[in-house]
Amino acid sequence: MSPTTILLRPRDPIIVRDARPFAAEAGARAFTLPWPLPRTIAGTLRSHVGNTAAPRFRWTGAGADGPERALRIEVHGPLLAAREAGEQDWTIYVPAPRDVVHFTHPSTLADRDLAGRADFLALRPETNSTTSDQPGSGCLWPENGPDLRPLTVANDYKPDADAPEFWSLADVCHWLTTTDRARWRARVDEQRPPRACLPALDRQTRTHVKIERRTGTGEEGRLFSTEALTFNDWPRDEHSPRGVNVSAPGGGDGSGPGPRSQPELALVARLQTTESWDQTPAFVPLGGERRLAVVEPGVVAWPAPSLPSSEQLTGARGIRLQLLTPAIFTDGWRPGWLAAGAPPSLDRDTCSLRLVGAAVGRRVPVSGWDLSQSGNQGARATDFAVPAGSVFFFEVVRGALTPSLFE
C-alpha cells in the first residue's frame, strides 16, 4: 500500500513527557519536551489505525493481535508544518542545523550596514595542518580520538540566546549542499519563503485542582501543574482579535529583528500499512493527559528527497549528515555502523566513511510503554537519543560519492 501523509493539528496544548516522574501529590508538575518524539506520534497513529481498521485490532484479552499488527505500521516523522495568512499550501520546517551559530553584529559597529544585523557562522572541523596532523592531536575521546577534530568558527561572536529553532526544509537542503557561505546566502535570498525560520514552540502552564468525587469540590491543597506545547490553530497578526506579534531572529530582508505574525502550525507524519482503515478526519488523543488533535490524511504532500547533483559531488571528499528526528544509536551519540565504515545501505567497498566532527546537542530522554506486556512490566527502560538537528561530518576514505549512493 502506498504511504499516506498525515496532518496532525493539535486542538489543545499537548504534553510530551520527558520521563521525569509525575506523581499524584500536592505541588507536582508535569514538564514537556520541546518537540514530540517519533514514538509519540507513532503510538497515536497506530492506535487510530487499529481502532478504525477492519477488522479492528484486539488490544487485550485472549487472541490479542493489536500490538503485533501495530508494529507492522511504519510511521515517519514528525516534521513541523506552517502556513501563513492567505496561503493554501503548507511549508515544511525541520530543526535548525546545529553546525550554525546565530549571532547579532554589535550596534556600535562602524559598518552601518552590518550594525545590529542578524547573521550566522558555520561550525567546521579544525583543518589547521600545523595541529590537526600532529601525533596526539584531535580529541582525547573516544577511542578513535585522533580522527575526531574539534569544531571551530571563523570569528569569535557571542551566540544569540533566541536563535531560531526551525529552518524551512528548503533552506536546510541549500545549507547541506552548498559549501560556500556567500553562494548559500544568495541562493536562499533569491528563493526566500515567507518565513525562513521559526522560534521554538510556545509553552503554556496550567494549574489544576483535584476534585473530591463525593462533594464535587476541590480538595484542600491538592494543586498540580502541567506544561504543554501550543500550536496556533490559525495565522495570527496584528489585525487578528487574538493576534500576538513576535520578534523574529531576523527580518524578512535579513536586516535584523522585526515583528512577524505567527503562522498556523501543525505536525506532519507519513504512515504506511497494509491495513484497511478509515481515513476520514477525526479527533485522536495525543501525548499526555489525552489532549486532542485532529488527524487529516492526504491534505499535505510528504516532501520529496532533494538529491545532490553530479556537479555538486564532483571532487567531494566529505559529507554532512543532519538528523531531522531524534535518533537512538547503539554507541550513544555515535552511529553504531561507524565500526563497519559505512551505513547498512552502502557497500563499504564502494564507499567508506570516517567520522571527523560532530555538532551534537544535549541528549533527549525517551521513555514509553510496551503494549505487549501487562501491568508494570510494560514500562520501557529510559533510552537517550541524539537530538534532531545534530550534524555529523564524515570524510570519504575509500571510493567516491556518486548520485547513486543517495537514491
Protein backbone atom coordinates (compact mmCIF):
# COMPACT_ATOMS: atom_id res chain seq x y z
CA MET A 1 0.00 0.00 0.00
CA SER A 2 1.28 3.47 -0.87
CA PRO A 3 2.28 5.77 2.02
CA THR A 4 -0.26 8.22 3.41
CA THR A 5 0.80 11.66 4.63
CA ILE A 6 -0.96 12.68 7.84
CA LEU A 7 -1.53 16.24 9.04
CA LEU A 8 -1.94 16.38 12.82
CA ARG A 9 -3.48 19.64 14.04
CA PRO A 10 -3.46 19.83 17.85
CA ARG A 11 -6.66 21.35 19.20
CA ASP A 12 -5.27 21.57 22.73
CA PRO A 13 -1.79 22.32 24.04
CA ILE A 14 -0.06 18.93 24.03
CA ILE A 15 2.13 17.39 26.72
CA VAL A 16 5.14 15.39 25.57
CA ARG A 17 6.50 13.75 28.70
CA ASP A 18 10.23 13.79 29.38
CA ALA A 19 10.44 10.62 31.54
CA ARG A 20 10.53 12.54 34.83
CA PRO A 21 8.08 11.12 37.41
CA PHE A 22 4.72 12.85 37.79
CA ALA A 23 3.09 11.57 40.97
CA ALA A 24 -0.39 12.34 42.30
CA GLU A 25 0.81 14.63 45.06
CA ALA A 26 0.43 18.28 46.00
CA GLY A 27 2.68 20.63 44.06
CA ALA A 28 3.52 18.11 41.34
CA ARG A 29 4.35 19.48 37.90
CA ALA A 30 4.45 17.68 34.56
CA PHE A 31 7.10 19.05 32.21
CA THR A 32 7.13 18.70 28.45
CA LEU A 33 9.82 18.16 25.87
CA PRO A 34 10.24 20.97 23.31
CA TRP A 35 9.10 18.72 20.45
CA PRO A 36 7.11 15.45 20.15
CA LEU A 37 9.19 12.30 19.85
CA PRO A 38 8.71 9.96 16.87
CA ARG A 39 7.36 7.19 19.11
CA THR A 40 4.72 9.57 20.50
CA ILE A 41 3.37 10.23 17.02
CA ALA A 42 3.76 6.58 16.03
CA GLY A 43 1.74 5.46 19.05
CA THR A 44 -1.03 7.93 18.29
CA LEU A 45 -1.35 6.97 14.63
CA ARG A 46 -1.03 3.23 15.22
CA SER A 47 -3.77 3.38 17.85
CA HIS A 48 -6.00 5.35 15.48
CA VAL A 49 -5.45 2.89 12.64
CA GLY A 50 -6.12 -0.03 14.98
CA ASN A 51 -9.36 1.46 16.30
CA THR A 52 -10.72 2.19 12.81
CA ALA A 53 -9.35 -0.85 10.95
CA ALA A 54 -11.48 -3.62 9.55
CA PRO A 55 -11.21 -5.89 11.44
CA ARG A 56 -10.34 -3.81 14.49
CA PHE A 57 -7.22 -4.51 16.50
CA ARG A 58 -7.74 -6.53 19.67
CA TRP A 59 -5.50 -4.84 22.23
CA THR A 60 -6.12 -7.05 25.27
CA GLY A 61 -7.56 -10.39 26.28
CA ALA A 62 -7.47 -13.76 24.56
CA GLY A 63 -6.36 -13.59 20.96
CA ALA A 64 -5.00 -10.05 21.29
CA ASP A 65 -3.33 -9.17 17.99
CA GLY A 66 -3.18 -5.38 18.35
CA PRO A 67 0.44 -4.98 19.50
CA GLU A 68 1.76 -7.28 16.76
CA ARG A 69 -0.28 -5.63 13.99
CA ALA A 70 0.59 -2.15 15.26
CA LEU A 71 4.32 -2.81 14.98
CA ARG A 72 3.88 -3.58 11.28
CA ILE A 73 2.68 0.00 10.67
CA GLU A 74 5.56 2.21 9.54
CA VAL A 75 5.48 5.83 10.73
CA HIS A 76 7.96 8.54 9.75
CA GLY A 77 8.25 11.97 11.33
CA PRO A 78 7.05 14.20 12.79
CA LEU A 79 8.02 17.36 10.92
CA LEU A 80 6.68 20.86 11.52
CA ALA A 81 4.26 22.42 9.02
CA ALA A 82 3.45 26.14 8.95
CA ARG A 83 1.05 28.22 6.89
CA GLU A 84 0.89 32.00 6.73
CA ALA A 85 -2.32 34.01 6.35
CA GLY A 86 -3.65 33.83 2.79
CA GLU A 87 -1.62 30.73 1.89
CA GLN A 88 -3.11 27.44 0.76
CA ASP A 89 -0.01 25.26 0.91
CA TRP A 90 1.92 24.24 3.99
CA THR A 91 5.67 24.87 4.29
CA ILE A 92 7.73 22.11 5.91
CA TYR A 93 10.19 23.07 8.65
CA VAL A 94 12.82 20.96 10.39
CA PRO A 95 15.08 21.52 13.41
CA ALA A 96 17.80 24.07 12.66
CA PRO A 97 21.21 22.56 11.88
CA ARG A 98 23.49 22.59 14.91
CA ASP A 99 26.55 23.46 12.84
CA VAL A 100 25.21 27.03 12.59
CA VAL A 101 25.96 29.70 15.21
CA HIS A 102 23.50 32.60 15.09
CA PHE A 103 24.70 35.98 16.34
CA THR A 104 23.93 39.69 16.01
CA HIS A 105 26.51 42.26 14.93
CA PRO A 106 27.14 44.93 17.60
CA SER A 107 25.04 48.07 17.14
CA THR A 108 28.22 50.14 17.57
CA LEU A 109 29.87 48.59 14.51
CA ALA A 110 31.44 51.16 12.17
CA ASP A 111 29.86 49.46 9.16
CA ARG A 112 26.29 50.75 9.47
CA ASP A 113 25.04 48.13 7.01
CA LEU A 114 26.10 45.37 9.43
CA ALA A 115 25.41 47.12 12.75
CA GLY A 116 22.63 45.29 14.59
CA ARG A 117 22.16 42.82 11.75
CA ALA A 118 21.37 39.16 12.45
CA ASP A 119 23.98 36.85 10.96
CA PHE A 120 25.48 33.39 11.41
CA LEU A 121 28.74 31.46 11.47
CA ALA A 122 29.42 27.92 10.30
CA LEU A 123 30.95 25.33 12.65
CA ARG A 124 33.54 23.26 10.81
CA PRO A 125 36.11 20.62 11.87
CA GLU A 126 39.56 22.08 12.54
CA THR A 127 41.71 21.79 9.39
CA ASN A 128 44.87 23.62 10.50
CA SER A 129 47.63 21.37 9.21
CA THR A 130 50.04 22.59 11.89
CA THR A 131 47.96 20.99 14.62
CA SER A 132 45.45 18.50 13.20
CA ASP A 133 48.09 16.21 11.68
CA GLN A 134 50.46 16.09 14.65
CA PRO A 135 50.65 12.94 16.78
CA GLY A 136 48.24 13.15 19.68
CA SER A 137 46.18 15.93 18.10
CA GLY A 138 42.41 15.86 17.89
CA CYS A 139 40.11 14.83 20.73
CA LEU A 140 41.11 12.64 23.66
CA TRP A 141 37.91 10.64 23.34
CA PRO A 142 36.53 8.29 22.16
CA GLU A 143 38.93 5.51 21.19
CA ASN A 144 39.38 6.96 17.71
CA GLY A 145 40.01 10.40 19.15
CA PRO A 146 42.74 11.43 16.69
CA ASP A 147 40.18 11.15 13.86
CA LEU A 148 37.68 13.41 15.61
CA ARG A 149 38.57 17.08 15.32
CA PRO A 150 37.15 19.99 17.33
CA LEU A 151 34.70 22.33 15.60
CA THR A 152 35.73 25.94 15.08
CA VAL A 153 34.28 29.17 13.65
CA ALA A 154 35.95 31.84 11.55
CA ASN A 155 35.25 34.66 14.03
CA ASP A 156 34.51 34.97 17.72
CA TYR A 157 30.99 36.28 18.40
CA LYS A 158 28.56 35.75 21.24
CA PRO A 159 25.78 33.38 20.09
CA ASP A 160 22.20 34.64 20.23
CA ALA A 161 20.13 33.22 23.06
CA ASP A 162 16.96 33.36 20.93
CA ALA A 163 18.32 31.63 17.83
CA PRO A 164 15.64 30.15 15.54
CA GLU A 165 14.67 26.61 16.42
CA PHE A 166 13.35 25.60 12.97
CA TRP A 167 14.51 26.23 9.41
CA SER A 168 12.48 25.61 6.30
CA LEU A 169 13.38 22.29 4.71
CA ALA A 170 14.34 24.10 1.50
CA ASP A 171 16.87 26.25 3.37
CA VAL A 172 18.35 23.20 5.12
CA CYS A 173 18.79 21.43 1.77
CA HIS A 174 20.57 24.51 0.40
CA TRP A 175 22.76 24.64 3.50
CA LEU A 176 23.81 20.99 3.29
CA THR A 177 24.60 21.05 -0.43
CA THR A 178 26.41 24.41 -0.65
CA THR A 179 29.92 24.73 0.72
CA ASP A 180 30.44 28.43 0.05
CA ARG A 181 28.62 30.65 2.56
CA ALA A 182 28.18 33.58 0.16
CA ARG A 183 26.66 31.32 -2.51
CA TRP A 184 24.31 29.79 0.05
CA ARG A 185 23.20 33.25 1.17
CA ALA A 186 22.50 34.29 -2.43
CA ARG A 187 20.55 31.11 -3.22
CA VAL A 188 18.37 31.47 -0.15
CA ASP A 189 17.73 35.18 -0.65
CA GLU A 190 16.58 34.56 -4.21
CA GLN A 191 14.05 31.93 -3.13
CA ARG A 192 13.31 33.03 0.42
CA PRO A 193 9.92 31.72 1.58
CA PRO A 194 7.52 33.99 3.52
CA ARG A 195 9.18 32.86 6.73
CA ALA A 196 12.59 31.20 6.54
CA CYS A 197 12.88 30.33 10.23
CA LEU A 198 10.66 29.86 13.27
CA PRO A 199 11.27 30.12 17.01
CA ALA A 200 10.68 27.30 19.47
CA LEU A 201 7.08 26.36 20.19
CA ASP A 202 5.41 28.38 22.92
CA ARG A 203 4.69 26.64 26.21
CA GLN A 204 1.59 27.01 28.34
CA THR A 205 1.38 26.20 32.04
CA ARG A 206 -1.95 25.25 33.57
CA THR A 207 -2.73 24.84 37.25
CA HIS A 208 -5.21 22.10 38.16
CA VAL A 209 -7.02 21.11 41.32
CA LYS A 210 -8.07 17.65 42.42
CA ILE A 211 -11.85 17.29 42.72
CA GLU A 212 -13.44 15.41 45.59
CA ARG A 213 -15.87 12.97 43.97
CA ARG A 214 -18.30 12.91 46.86
CA THR A 215 -18.80 16.67 47.15
CA GLY A 216 -17.75 17.84 43.70
CA THR A 217 -15.47 20.47 45.23
CA GLY A 218 -11.71 20.92 45.18
CA GLU A 219 -9.59 19.15 47.78
CA GLU A 220 -7.66 21.48 50.05
CA GLY A 221 -4.06 21.95 48.88
CA ARG A 222 -4.31 19.35 46.10
CA LEU A 223 -2.91 21.51 43.29
CA PHE A 224 -0.71 20.39 40.43
CA SER A 225 0.59 21.97 37.22
CA THR A 226 1.11 20.81 33.65
CA GLU A 227 3.34 22.34 30.98
CA ALA A 228 2.31 21.90 27.34
CA LEU A 229 3.27 22.92 23.80
CA THR A 230 0.91 25.26 21.95
CA PHE A 231 0.20 25.17 18.21
CA ASN A 232 -1.50 28.16 16.59
CA ASP A 233 -4.75 26.95 15.07
CA TRP A 234 -4.87 29.82 12.56
CA PRO A 235 -2.41 32.50 11.34
CA ARG A 236 -2.31 35.49 13.65
CA ASP A 237 -1.10 39.03 13.02
CA GLU A 238 -1.68 42.50 14.39
CA HIS A 239 -5.16 42.58 12.82
CA SER A 240 -6.35 39.33 14.39
CA PRO A 241 -8.55 39.58 17.52
CA ARG A 242 -6.23 37.14 19.28
CA GLY A 243 -3.14 38.22 17.36
CA VAL A 244 0.25 38.40 19.04
CA ASN A 245 3.35 39.72 17.28
CA VAL A 246 6.64 38.01 17.95
CA SER A 247 10.18 39.23 17.42
CA ALA A 248 11.80 37.06 14.77
CA PRO A 249 15.53 36.28 14.82
CA GLY A 250 15.90 38.22 11.57
CA GLY A 251 13.72 40.38 9.35
CA GLY A 252 12.46 39.08 6.03
CA ASP A 253 15.24 41.01 4.29
CA GLY A 254 17.87 39.83 6.78
CA SER A 255 18.23 43.32 8.24
CA GLY A 256 17.65 42.30 11.83
CA PRO A 257 14.91 41.59 14.34
CA GLY A 258 11.43 42.71 13.49
CA PRO A 259 7.78 41.90 14.22
CA ARG A 260 6.24 38.96 12.44
CA SER A 261 2.87 37.32 12.55
CA GLN A 262 2.51 33.85 14.00
CA PRO A 263 1.68 31.25 11.34
CA GLU A 264 -0.70 28.35 11.70
CA LEU A 265 1.23 25.31 12.94
CA ALA A 266 0.71 21.56 12.65
CA LEU A 267 2.57 18.24 12.65
CA VAL A 268 3.24 16.15 9.56
CA ALA A 269 3.95 12.41 9.52
CA ARG A 270 3.95 9.64 6.93
CA LEU A 271 2.20 6.33 7.52
CA GLN A 272 2.45 3.10 5.56
CA THR A 273 0.40 0.00 6.29
CA THR A 274 -1.43 -2.85 4.59
CA GLU A 275 -4.36 -2.44 6.99
CA SER A 276 -7.69 -1.14 5.73
CA TRP A 277 -8.60 1.81 7.95
CA ASP A 278 -10.96 4.78 7.96
CA GLN A 279 -9.17 7.86 6.59
CA THR A 280 -11.93 10.29 7.49
CA PRO A 281 -10.65 13.27 9.55
CA ALA A 282 -11.11 12.51 13.24
CA PHE A 283 -10.10 13.58 16.74
CA VAL A 284 -7.42 11.49 18.47
CA PRO A 285 -5.69 11.74 21.87
CA LEU A 286 -2.11 12.95 21.51
CA GLY A 287 0.53 12.88 24.25
CA GLY A 288 -0.10 13.04 27.98
CA GLU A 289 -3.41 13.87 29.69
CA ARG A 290 -5.22 12.75 26.50
CA ARG A 291 -5.13 16.17 24.84
CA LEU A 292 -6.91 16.17 21.47
CA ALA A 293 -5.63 16.63 17.91
CA VAL A 294 -7.29 16.33 14.50
CA VAL A 295 -5.98 13.67 12.10
CA GLU A 296 -6.31 14.73 8.45
CA PRO A 297 -4.94 12.18 5.97
CA GLY A 298 -3.87 13.22 2.49
CA VAL A 299 -4.17 17.02 2.77
CA VAL A 300 -0.43 17.71 2.53
CA ALA A 301 2.36 16.12 0.49
CA TRP A 302 5.34 14.44 2.11
CA PRO A 303 8.50 16.29 0.99
CA ALA A 304 10.38 14.63 -1.85
CA PRO A 305 14.07 13.90 -1.23
CA SER A 306 16.49 16.53 -2.51
CA LEU A 307 19.37 14.57 -4.02
CA PRO A 308 22.75 16.19 -4.78
CA SER A 309 23.69 16.53 -8.43
CA SER A 310 26.75 15.09 -10.15
CA GLU A 311 28.27 18.57 -10.30
CA GLN A 312 27.90 19.02 -6.54
CA LEU A 313 29.56 15.66 -5.88
CA THR A 314 32.47 16.10 -8.29
CA GLY A 315 35.67 16.04 -6.26
CA ALA A 316 33.80 16.00 -2.93
CA ARG A 317 35.65 14.14 -0.17
CA GLY A 318 33.31 14.90 2.70
CA ILE A 319 29.65 14.67 3.60
CA ARG A 320 27.44 16.17 6.28
CA LEU A 321 24.57 14.21 7.82
CA GLN A 322 21.81 16.07 9.69
CA LEU A 323 19.19 14.32 11.81
CA LEU A 324 15.65 15.55 11.17
CA THR A 325 14.25 13.49 14.04
CA PRO A 326 15.96 12.19 17.21
CA ALA A 327 17.99 9.00 16.78
CA ILE A 328 18.91 6.23 19.22
CA PHE A 329 22.34 4.82 18.35
CA THR A 330 23.95 1.69 19.74
CA ASP A 331 27.09 3.69 20.60
CA GLY A 332 25.40 6.59 22.39
CA TRP A 333 25.98 9.80 20.42
CA ARG A 334 27.76 7.96 17.57
CA PRO A 335 26.18 5.77 14.88
CA GLY A 336 26.96 2.13 15.55
CA TRP A 337 27.79 1.45 11.90
CA LEU A 338 30.98 3.52 12.15
CA ALA A 339 32.88 0.37 13.07
CA ALA A 340 31.96 -1.07 9.65
CA GLY A 341 32.88 2.17 7.87
CA ALA A 342 29.53 2.64 6.12
CA PRO A 343 25.81 2.55 6.94
CA PRO A 344 23.96 -0.73 6.23
CA SER A 345 22.55 0.61 2.96
CA LEU A 346 26.03 1.19 1.50
CA ASP A 347 28.68 -1.26 0.37
CA ARG A 348 31.84 -0.36 2.28
CA ASP A 349 33.93 -1.48 -0.70
CA THR A 350 32.14 1.15 -2.80
CA CYS A 351 32.32 3.99 -0.29
CA SER A 352 33.81 4.02 3.21
CA LEU A 353 33.38 6.91 5.64
CA ARG A 354 35.20 8.16 8.73
CA LEU A 355 33.73 10.49 11.35
CA VAL A 356 35.85 13.64 11.73
CA GLY A 357 33.48 16.01 13.55
CA ALA A 358 30.09 16.25 15.24
CA ALA A 359 27.81 19.07 16.36
CA VAL A 360 25.54 17.22 18.79
CA GLY A 361 23.10 18.74 21.25
CA ARG A 362 22.12 17.57 24.71
CA ARG A 363 20.74 14.05 24.90
CA VAL A 364 16.96 13.56 24.83
CA PRO A 365 15.32 11.13 27.31
CA VAL A 366 12.99 8.66 25.62
CA SER A 367 10.54 6.55 27.60
CA GLY A 368 7.43 4.64 26.66
CA TRP A 369 5.14 1.70 27.20
CA ASP A 370 5.17 -1.78 25.71
CA LEU A 371 1.62 -2.85 24.82
CA SER A 372 2.67 -6.48 24.53
CA GLN A 373 3.38 -6.53 28.28
CA SER A 374 0.81 -6.23 31.06
CA GLY A 375 0.89 -4.34 34.33
CA ASN A 376 4.09 -2.66 35.45
CA GLN A 377 6.08 -4.95 33.15
CA GLY A 378 5.04 -2.76 30.21
CA ALA A 379 7.14 0.23 31.25
CA ARG A 380 10.16 0.61 28.98
CA ALA A 381 13.59 1.49 30.28
CA THR A 382 14.60 5.07 29.52
CA ASP A 383 16.80 5.49 26.45
CA PHE A 384 18.72 8.58 25.43
CA ALA A 385 18.53 9.87 21.87
CA VAL A 386 20.72 12.19 19.85
CA PRO A 387 18.60 15.33 19.32
CA ALA A 388 17.24 16.36 15.94
CA GLY A 389 19.33 18.96 14.16
CA SER A 390 22.61 17.29 15.14
CA VAL A 391 25.16 17.31 12.32
CA PHE A 392 27.88 14.71 11.68
CA PHE A 393 30.91 15.39 9.46
CA PHE A 394 32.27 12.42 7.52
CA GLU A 395 35.37 12.07 5.38
CA VAL A 396 35.47 9.68 2.44
CA VAL A 397 38.41 7.31 2.97
CA ARG A 398 37.60 4.83 0.19
CA GLY A 399 35.68 5.18 -3.04
CA ALA A 400 33.83 8.27 -4.23
CA LEU A 401 30.49 9.99 -3.71
CA THR A 402 28.11 9.39 -6.61
CA PRO A 403 24.41 10.24 -7.09
CA SER A 404 23.51 6.54 -6.96
CA LEU A 405 24.63 6.36 -3.31
CA PHE A 406 21.85 8.75 -2.31
CA GLU A 407 19.00 7.12 -4.22
